[in-house]
Protein backbone atom coordinates (compact mmCIF):
# COMPACT_ATOMS: atom_id res chain seq x y z
CA UNK A 1 -20.01 14.07 -6.16
CA UNK A 2 -21.57 12.86 -9.45
CA UNK A 3 -18.81 11.39 -11.64
CA UNK A 4 -21.05 9.61 -14.49
CA UNK A 5 -24.23 7.93 -15.54
CA UNK A 6 -24.73 3.95 -14.80
CA UNK A 7 -25.30 2.29 -17.84
CA UNK A 8 -25.13 -1.57 -17.27
CA UNK A 9 -24.34 -3.89 -14.12
CA UNK A 10 -21.85 -7.19 -14.84
CA UNK A 11 -20.66 -9.73 -12.59
CA UNK A 12 -18.25 -7.20 -10.09
CA UNK A 13 -18.71 -4.46 -12.66
CA UNK A 14 -20.48 -0.89 -13.02
CA UNK A 15 -20.37 0.40 -16.34
CA UNK A 16 -20.94 4.32 -16.57
CA UNK A 17 -20.34 7.18 -18.88
CA UNK A 18 -18.48 10.21 -17.63
CA UNK A 19 -18.85 13.46 -19.65
CA UNK A 20 -15.48 14.65 -19.18
CA UNK A 21 -13.32 11.98 -17.64
CA UNK A 22 -10.73 13.36 -15.10
CA UNK A 23 -8.82 12.75 -11.85
CA UNK A 24 -11.73 12.59 -9.39
CA UNK A 25 -12.16 8.90 -11.00
CA UNK A 26 -8.84 8.36 -9.16
CA UNK A 27 -10.32 9.12 -5.85
CA UNK A 28 -13.00 6.44 -6.13
CA UNK A 29 -12.60 4.87 -2.54
CA UNK A 30 -15.43 2.15 -2.94
CA UNK A 31 -14.18 0.59 -6.47
CA UNK A 32 -11.54 -1.59 -6.49
CA UNK A 33 -10.48 -0.26 -9.97
CA UNK A 34 -11.36 2.14 -12.92
CA UNK A 35 -10.81 0.57 -16.33
CA UNK A 36 -11.28 2.75 -19.61
CA UNK A 37 -12.93 0.42 -22.13
CA UNK A 38 -11.14 -0.16 -25.65
CA UNK A 39 -13.47 -2.98 -27.16
CA UNK A 40 -16.21 -5.04 -26.25
CA UNK A 41 -16.07 -8.53 -27.72
CA UNK A 42 -19.22 -10.62 -28.21
CA UNK A 43 -19.38 -14.36 -29.25
CA UNK A 44 -16.74 -15.36 -26.85
CA UNK A 45 -17.45 -19.10 -26.34
CA UNK A 46 -15.88 -21.38 -23.59
CA UNK A 47 -13.46 -23.15 -26.13
CA UNK A 48 -10.15 -22.62 -27.18
CA UNK A 49 -11.25 -21.10 -30.46
CA UNK A 50 -11.96 -18.00 -28.74
CA UNK A 51 -8.63 -17.11 -28.15
CA UNK A 52 -7.85 -16.18 -31.75
CA UNK A 53 -11.42 -14.18 -31.57
CA UNK A 54 -9.63 -12.05 -28.33
CA UNK A 55 -6.52 -11.95 -30.49
CA UNK A 56 -8.21 -10.18 -33.42
CA UNK A 57 -10.38 -8.25 -31.35
CA UNK A 58 -7.52 -6.75 -29.61
CA UNK A 59 -5.27 -6.10 -32.54
CA UNK A 60 -8.03 -4.35 -34.27
CA UNK A 61 -9.27 -2.27 -31.16
CA UNK A 62 -9.34 1.33 -31.31
CA UNK A 63 -7.34 1.88 -28.05
CA UNK A 64 -6.41 5.57 -28.96
CA UNK A 65 -9.27 7.13 -27.20
CA UNK A 66 -8.97 5.04 -24.05
CA UNK A 67 -5.14 5.86 -24.04
CA UNK A 68 -5.50 9.44 -24.54
CA UNK A 69 -8.15 9.80 -21.62
CA UNK A 70 -5.48 7.99 -19.41
CA UNK A 71 -2.75 10.04 -20.13
CA UNK A 72 -4.88 13.53 -19.58
CA UNK A 73 -6.63 12.27 -16.59
CA UNK A 74 -3.53 11.17 -14.84
CA UNK A 75 -1.61 14.10 -16.04
CA UNK A 76 -4.40 16.65 -14.79
CA UNK A 77 -4.10 14.81 -11.23
CA UNK A 78 -0.30 15.74 -11.37
CA UNK A 79 -1.29 19.48 -12.04
CA UNK A 80 -1.30 19.51 -15.64
CA UNK A 81 2.15 18.11 -15.90
CA UNK A 82 2.78 15.43 -18.47
CA UNK A 83 3.38 12.08 -17.06
CA UNK A 84 7.05 11.16 -17.02
CA UNK A 85 7.57 7.65 -18.75
CA UNK A 86 10.60 5.42 -19.00
CA UNK A 87 11.77 4.09 -22.30
CA UNK A 88 12.22 0.48 -22.63
CA UNK A 89 13.04 -2.08 -25.03
CA UNK A 90 11.08 -1.84 -28.34
CA UNK A 91 11.66 -5.51 -29.30
CA UNK A 92 8.70 -7.20 -30.14
CA UNK A 93 7.64 -9.99 -27.47
CA UNK A 94 6.22 -12.27 -29.97
CA UNK A 95 8.77 -12.04 -33.23
CA UNK A 96 12.12 -11.05 -31.30
CA UNK A 97 12.87 -7.96 -33.60
CA UNK A 98 12.39 -4.28 -33.57
CA UNK A 99 9.17 -3.13 -34.13
CA UNK A 100 7.92 0.69 -35.03
CA UNK A 101 6.20 2.46 -32.06
CA UNK A 102 2.38 3.64 -33.46
CA UNK A 103 0.94 6.82 -33.45
CA UNK A 104 -1.35 6.07 -30.78
CA UNK A 105 1.28 5.24 -28.06
CA UNK A 106 3.37 8.47 -29.18
CA UNK A 107 -0.22 10.37 -28.61
CA UNK A 108 -1.07 8.88 -25.35
CA UNK A 109 2.31 9.73 -23.77
CA UNK A 110 2.76 5.90 -23.31
CA UNK A 111 5.63 5.66 -26.28
CA UNK A 112 7.65 2.89 -25.66
CA UNK A 113 6.17 1.58 -22.73
CA UNK A 114 5.48 -2.19 -22.65
CA UNK A 115 1.95 -3.64 -21.62
CA UNK A 116 0.84 -6.38 -19.32
CA UNK A 117 -2.31 -7.85 -19.14
CA UNK A 118 -4.45 -9.27 -16.59
CA UNK A 119 -7.71 -11.49 -17.04
CA UNK A 120 -10.72 -13.01 -15.31
CA UNK A 121 -13.48 -14.88 -16.35
CA UNK A 122 -16.88 -16.07 -15.11
CA UNK A 123 -17.70 -20.24 -15.77
CA UNK A 124 -15.95 -22.87 -16.79
CA UNK A 125 -13.84 -22.48 -19.68
CA UNK A 126 -11.24 -24.79 -21.57
CA UNK A 127 -8.48 -22.09 -21.48
CA UNK A 128 -6.70 -20.47 -18.57
CA UNK A 129 -6.51 -16.94 -17.81
CA UNK A 130 -2.75 -16.86 -19.04
CA UNK A 131 -4.14 -17.96 -22.29
CA UNK A 132 -6.35 -15.09 -22.50
CA UNK A 133 -3.71 -12.80 -21.39
CA UNK A 134 -0.97 -14.14 -24.13
CA UNK A 135 -3.80 -13.75 -26.88
CA UNK A 136 -4.80 -10.14 -26.05
CA UNK A 137 -1.46 -9.24 -24.99
CA UNK A 138 -0.24 -10.50 -28.45
CA UNK A 139 -3.25 -8.44 -30.25
CA UNK A 140 -2.51 -4.87 -28.54
CA UNK A 141 1.56 -5.35 -28.68
CA UNK A 142 1.03 -5.63 -32.83
CA UNK A 143 -1.76 -2.91 -32.68
CA UNK A 144 0.40 -0.29 -30.38
CA UNK A 145 3.86 -1.34 -31.42
CA UNK A 146 5.07 -2.02 -27.98
CA UNK A 147 6.35 -5.16 -26.43
CA UNK A 148 3.83 -7.37 -24.30
CA UNK A 149 5.07 -8.92 -20.94
CA UNK A 150 3.40 -12.27 -20.39
CA UNK A 151 2.80 -13.25 -16.78
CA UNK A 152 2.59 -17.37 -17.53
CA UNK A 153 6.39 -17.87 -16.64
CA UNK A 154 5.51 -16.38 -13.16
CA UNK A 155 7.77 -13.26 -13.82
CA UNK A 156 6.06 -9.83 -12.81
CA UNK A 157 5.97 -7.36 -15.69
CA UNK A 158 8.77 -4.47 -15.54
CA UNK A 159 8.04 -1.48 -13.95
CA UNK A 160 5.85 1.52 -15.78
CA UNK A 161 4.07 -1.18 -18.23
CA UNK A 162 0.81 0.14 -18.88
CA UNK A 163 -1.87 -2.33 -17.53
CA UNK A 164 -4.61 -3.59 -19.47
CA UNK A 165 -7.62 -5.82 -18.08
CA UNK A 166 -9.70 -8.50 -19.94
CA UNK A 167 -12.83 -9.72 -18.19
CA UNK A 168 -15.13 -12.21 -19.48
CA UNK A 169 -18.60 -13.19 -18.40
CA UNK A 170 -20.88 -15.43 -20.42
CA UNK A 171 -19.98 -14.74 -24.08
CA UNK A 172 -18.95 -11.59 -23.87
CA UNK A 173 -15.39 -9.95 -23.09
CA UNK A 174 -14.20 -6.62 -22.36
CA UNK A 175 -10.77 -5.04 -22.84
CA UNK A 176 -9.59 -2.18 -21.23
CA UNK A 177 -7.22 -0.18 -19.80
CA UNK A 178 -6.21 0.65 -16.26
CA UNK A 179 -6.80 4.38 -15.13
CA UNK A 180 -4.08 4.50 -12.37
CA UNK A 181 -0.64 2.65 -12.67
CA UNK A 182 -2.39 0.13 -10.17
CA UNK A 183 -5.65 -1.03 -8.80
CA UNK A 184 -7.37 1.56 -6.78
CA UNK A 185 -7.84 -0.74 -4.09
CA UNK A 186 -4.13 -1.21 -3.25
CA UNK A 187 -3.97 2.09 -0.99
CA UNK A 188 -0.44 3.57 -0.81
CA UNK A 189 -1.03 3.57 3.14
CA UNK A 190 -1.55 0.15 3.80
CA UNK A 191 1.96 -1.28 3.99
CA UNK A 192 1.46 -3.07 7.44
CA UNK A 193 -1.07 -5.85 7.14
CA UNK A 194 -2.52 -8.34 9.45
CA UNK A 195 -4.14 -11.70 8.92
CA UNK A 196 -7.89 -11.05 8.20
CA UNK A 197 -7.44 -7.54 7.32
CA UNK A 198 -10.28 -5.82 5.78
CA UNK A 199 -10.34 -5.17 1.84
CA UNK A 200 -10.12 -1.16 1.64
CA UNK A 201 -12.66 -0.33 -0.48
CA UNK A 202 -15.16 -2.44 1.86
CA UNK A 203 -13.87 -0.55 4.58
CA UNK A 204 -14.58 2.77 2.85
CA UNK A 205 -18.30 1.44 1.96
CA UNK A 206 -18.56 0.99 5.65
CA UNK A 207 -17.77 4.47 6.21
CA UNK A 208 -20.02 5.87 3.97
CA UNK A 209 -22.98 3.89 5.28
CA UNK A 210 -22.22 5.00 8.51
CA UNK A 211 -22.96 8.41 7.06
CA UNK A 212 -19.89 10.16 7.87
CA UNK A 213 -19.39 12.16 5.09
CA UNK A 214 -22.70 13.88 6.13
CA UNK A 215 -22.27 13.50 9.82
CA UNK A 216 -22.55 16.94 11.52
CA UNK A 217 -20.27 17.49 14.56
CA UNK A 218 -22.07 16.86 17.85
CA UNK A 219 -23.24 19.85 19.87
CA UNK A 220 -21.13 21.21 22.64
CA UNK A 221 -21.59 19.17 25.82
CA UNK A 222 -22.48 15.94 24.08
CA UNK A 223 -21.09 12.52 25.71
CA UNK A 224 -19.05 11.67 22.93
CA UNK A 225 -16.86 14.97 23.05
CA UNK A 226 -14.78 14.39 25.64
CA UNK A 227 -15.89 11.37 27.73
CA UNK A 228 -14.70 8.74 25.16
CA UNK A 229 -11.02 10.08 25.01
CA UNK A 230 -10.78 10.69 28.80
CA UNK A 231 -11.75 6.52 29.17
CA UNK A 232 -9.25 5.95 26.46
CA UNK A 233 -6.48 8.03 28.01
CA UNK A 234 -7.13 6.13 31.32
CA UNK A 235 -6.69 2.67 29.25
CA UNK A 236 -3.20 4.21 28.74
CA UNK A 237 -3.35 6.13 25.61
CA UNK A 238 -1.40 9.43 25.58
CA UNK A 239 -3.95 12.50 24.85
CA UNK A 240 -4.33 12.78 21.29
CA UNK A 241 -4.39 16.77 20.89
CA UNK A 242 -8.00 16.55 19.79
CA UNK A 243 -10.32 19.74 19.70
CA UNK A 244 -13.18 18.21 22.51
CA UNK A 245 -15.16 21.82 21.90
CA UNK A 246 -17.78 22.98 19.53
CA UNK A 247 -17.13 21.77 15.88
CA UNK A 248 -15.48 18.77 16.70
CA UNK A 249 -16.54 15.70 14.51
CA UNK A 250 -18.14 12.43 15.72
CA UNK A 251 -16.37 9.88 17.74
CA UNK A 252 -15.64 6.98 15.57
CA UNK A 253 -14.93 3.42 17.42
CA UNK A 254 -13.50 0.19 15.97
CA UNK A 255 -13.30 -2.33 18.76
CA UNK A 256 -11.87 -4.92 16.62
CA UNK A 257 -9.73 -2.64 14.72
CA UNK A 258 -6.63 -4.89 13.59
CA UNK A 259 -4.62 -3.01 10.70
CA UNK A 260 -6.50 0.19 11.35
CA UNK A 261 -8.36 -0.05 7.67
CA UNK A 262 -12.01 0.96 8.82
CA UNK A 263 -10.92 3.87 10.82
CA UNK A 264 -8.32 5.17 7.80
CA UNK A 265 -10.88 4.98 5.33
CA UNK A 266 -13.54 6.84 7.78
CA UNK A 267 -10.84 9.46 8.67
CA UNK A 268 -10.27 10.14 5.05
CA UNK A 269 -14.04 10.58 4.39
CA UNK A 270 -14.76 12.64 7.48
CA UNK A 271 -11.12 14.34 8.46
CA UNK A 272 -12.78 15.81 11.70
CA UNK A 273 -14.02 12.76 13.04
CA UNK A 274 -12.19 11.53 16.08
CA UNK A 275 -10.77 8.19 15.44
CA UNK A 276 -10.58 5.36 18.37
CA UNK A 277 -9.56 1.80 17.69
CA UNK A 278 -9.05 -1.12 20.49
CA UNK A 279 -7.27 -4.32 19.56
CA UNK A 280 -6.32 -7.15 21.54
CA UNK A 281 -2.99 -7.83 19.43
CA UNK A 282 0.00 -5.40 20.12
CA UNK A 283 0.83 -5.88 16.67
CA UNK A 284 -2.31 -4.96 15.15
CA UNK A 285 -2.20 -2.08 17.02
CA UNK A 286 1.35 -1.13 15.65
CA UNK A 287 0.20 -1.75 12.35
CA UNK A 288 -2.79 0.66 12.93
CA UNK A 289 -0.66 3.40 14.03
CA UNK A 290 1.60 3.03 11.06
CA UNK A 291 -1.23 2.75 8.17
CA UNK A 292 -2.90 5.60 9.80
CA UNK A 293 0.42 7.92 9.90
CA UNK A 294 1.10 7.00 6.30
CA UNK A 295 -2.22 8.02 5.29
CA UNK A 296 -2.02 11.51 7.45
CA UNK A 297 -4.93 10.50 9.29
CA UNK A 298 -5.31 10.99 13.43
CA UNK A 299 -6.02 7.62 14.74
CA UNK A 300 -5.78 6.74 18.42
CA UNK A 301 -5.48 2.82 18.82
CA UNK A 302 -4.94 1.10 21.73
CA UNK A 303 -4.40 -2.39 23.30
CA UNK A 304 -7.61 -3.77 24.90
CA UNK A 305 -10.40 -6.14 24.78
CA UNK A 306 -13.68 -5.48 22.93
CA UNK A 307 -15.72 -7.60 25.58
CA UNK A 308 -14.75 -5.00 28.40
CA UNK A 309 -14.54 -1.57 26.22
CA UNK A 310 -12.76 1.29 28.43
CA UNK A 311 -15.40 3.97 27.13
CA UNK A 312 -18.15 5.42 29.30
CA UNK A 313 -21.85 4.62 28.09
CA UNK A 314 -23.06 6.69 25.51
CA UNK A 315 -19.87 7.97 24.28
CA UNK A 316 -19.23 7.27 20.62
CA UNK A 317 -21.48 8.11 17.64
CA UNK A 318 -20.49 5.35 15.36
CA UNK A 319 -19.17 2.02 15.51
CA UNK A 320 -17.44 0.61 12.34
CA UNK A 321 -16.33 -3.22 13.12
CA UNK A 322 -15.55 -6.50 11.45
CA UNK A 323 -15.55 -8.96 14.06
CA UNK A 324 -13.54 -12.12 14.43
CA UNK A 325 -15.22 -14.79 12.55
CA UNK A 326 -12.92 -17.82 14.01
CA UNK A 327 -11.66 -18.48 10.35
CA UNK A 328 -8.70 -16.26 9.50
CA UNK A 329 -8.95 -14.67 12.92
CA UNK A 330 -10.29 -16.54 16.14
CA UNK A 331 -12.19 -14.68 18.73
CA UNK A 332 -9.88 -13.76 21.93
CA UNK A 333 -9.93 -12.75 25.30
CA UNK A 334 -13.66 -12.30 26.64
CA UNK A 335 -14.81 -12.89 22.99
CA UNK A 336 -13.40 -16.39 23.38
CA UNK A 337 -15.88 -17.16 25.93
CA UNK A 338 -18.95 -15.23 24.93
CA UNK A 339 -19.11 -13.55 21.52
CA UNK A 340 -22.26 -11.83 22.65
CA UNK A 341 -20.21 -9.64 24.82
CA UNK A 342 -19.24 -7.41 21.94
CA UNK A 343 -22.51 -6.32 21.18
CA UNK A 344 -23.48 -5.70 24.76
CA UNK A 345 -20.26 -3.43 24.87
CA UNK A 346 -21.17 -1.71 21.48
CA UNK A 347 -24.88 -1.10 22.53
CA UNK A 348 -23.44 0.47 26.02
CA UNK A 349 -21.01 2.96 24.56
CA UNK A 350 -23.48 4.17 21.24
CA UNK A 351 -24.49 7.67 21.87
CA UNK A 352 -28.21 8.35 21.53
CA UNK A 353 -28.71 8.41 17.82
CA UNK A 354 -25.45 6.50 17.31
CA UNK A 355 -25.52 3.43 14.68
CA UNK A 356 -23.39 0.42 14.07
CA UNK A 357 -21.95 -0.54 10.46
CA UNK A 358 -20.75 -4.19 10.73
CA UNK A 359 -20.04 -7.76 8.68
CA UNK A 360 -21.86 -9.96 10.08
CA UNK A 361 -23.52 -13.35 9.41
CA UNK A 362 -26.26 -13.03 11.67
CA UNK A 363 -28.09 -9.83 12.99
CA UNK A 364 -26.75 -9.57 16.94
CA UNK A 365 -29.51 -9.50 19.88
CA UNK A 366 -30.34 -6.29 20.69
CA UNK A 367 -30.21 -4.66 17.27
CA UNK A 368 -32.31 -3.99 14.42
CA UNK A 369 -31.52 -3.44 10.92
CA UNK A 370 -31.82 -0.41 9.06
CA UNK A 371 -29.94 -1.66 5.87
CA UNK A 372 -28.51 -4.55 4.71
CA UNK A 373 -26.13 -5.48 1.46
CA UNK A 374 -24.89 -9.05 0.86
CA UNK A 375 -21.01 -8.97 -0.10
CA UNK A 376 -18.75 -11.79 -0.89
CA UNK A 377 -15.80 -12.07 0.89
CA UNK A 378 -13.44 -14.82 1.47
CA UNK A 379 -15.72 -17.30 0.27
CA UNK A 380 -18.43 -16.35 2.43
CA UNK A 381 -21.26 -14.29 2.24
CA UNK A 382 -21.83 -12.24 4.93
CA UNK A 383 -24.23 -9.04 5.46
CA UNK A 384 -22.62 -5.80 5.25
CA UNK A 385 -25.36 -4.34 7.76
CA UNK A 386 -26.06 -0.90 9.23
CA UNK A 387 -27.60 -1.56 12.71
CA UNK A 388 -29.40 0.54 15.29
CA UNK A 389 -30.25 -0.29 18.92
CA UNK A 390 -33.59 -2.09 19.01
CA UNK A 391 -36.15 -0.80 21.43
CA UNK A 392 -36.18 -2.40 24.75
CA UNK A 393 -39.48 -4.06 25.79
CA UNK A 394 -40.89 -3.46 28.87
């Protein structure tokens, strides 16, 4: 699915143009968020004089097109019905007196709704993110005729506030409004979490790199079609009611499944895939079960040890795994004594033609890298790697 044309890359940003921005933009699963640009501000220095420049830019920004696009895309997503909005106080946040709601706010369906602003910047500056938020918030409030709620006092904005974002890199700032009501990375299904849980967009990227969107169902009689589930049932799982015959999707395993994020994202990308998760922690298995249920994805998790997978050899088509790194999550069970057991077991259970997508600091023994992307995660820079078993030397 092609949604637009990429025009530029910045720090953690992909700028693209879409001819007809619509609800499909809210389905981008590997993006943290989608923002509609209202203004690009050049000459934003590191000194505090930049704050007044940002305030003026926000006050003079042509926010109407971005707000109307936001309203149209969200209304289309909801079947063409207008978005319900809740009227709030129209008192000016900076002057404490009633103010007139602008025509822009009325036309966009956001009449009377307050605004919130969140900001990030790259590099050292003599102002804080809260200073940036308050400067831009004051300008937008005056331009749109709606109240601005600051985060500086530690008070969360009220429900229904229209979310604006400011990002600054070098001497350029971008003022934009969020397309959705909350960041795309905050998945509605993920209410249960555990330490070290994987960021959902990263999990979605792993599923895509595994080729699950294009993966054809295995042929009838392929080892992954039935033996994997037989093995899991022997490990204590009830039969999941899965179709093992012709047309069944690939078997996908996460041997360190945690809260089930990788498996849920895999299932949303490939609804016919058969998803199995293993984790030593009963709490993790419960979290994975609950998250999958909310997502409407059939996941079969079981308490077990990744160093001794309860699966026959050659029974799994894809392995998605974020191994314990020893920081937020320590290796346990058999892996605490020998971390290489995980990779020997993964190699054993992979079917011919199978592959692994993993987050790893080093390439594990017995595998070759087909593709690798360095990512930033919790202060480290592991490889998001696609692996295939290396040929054994005779």
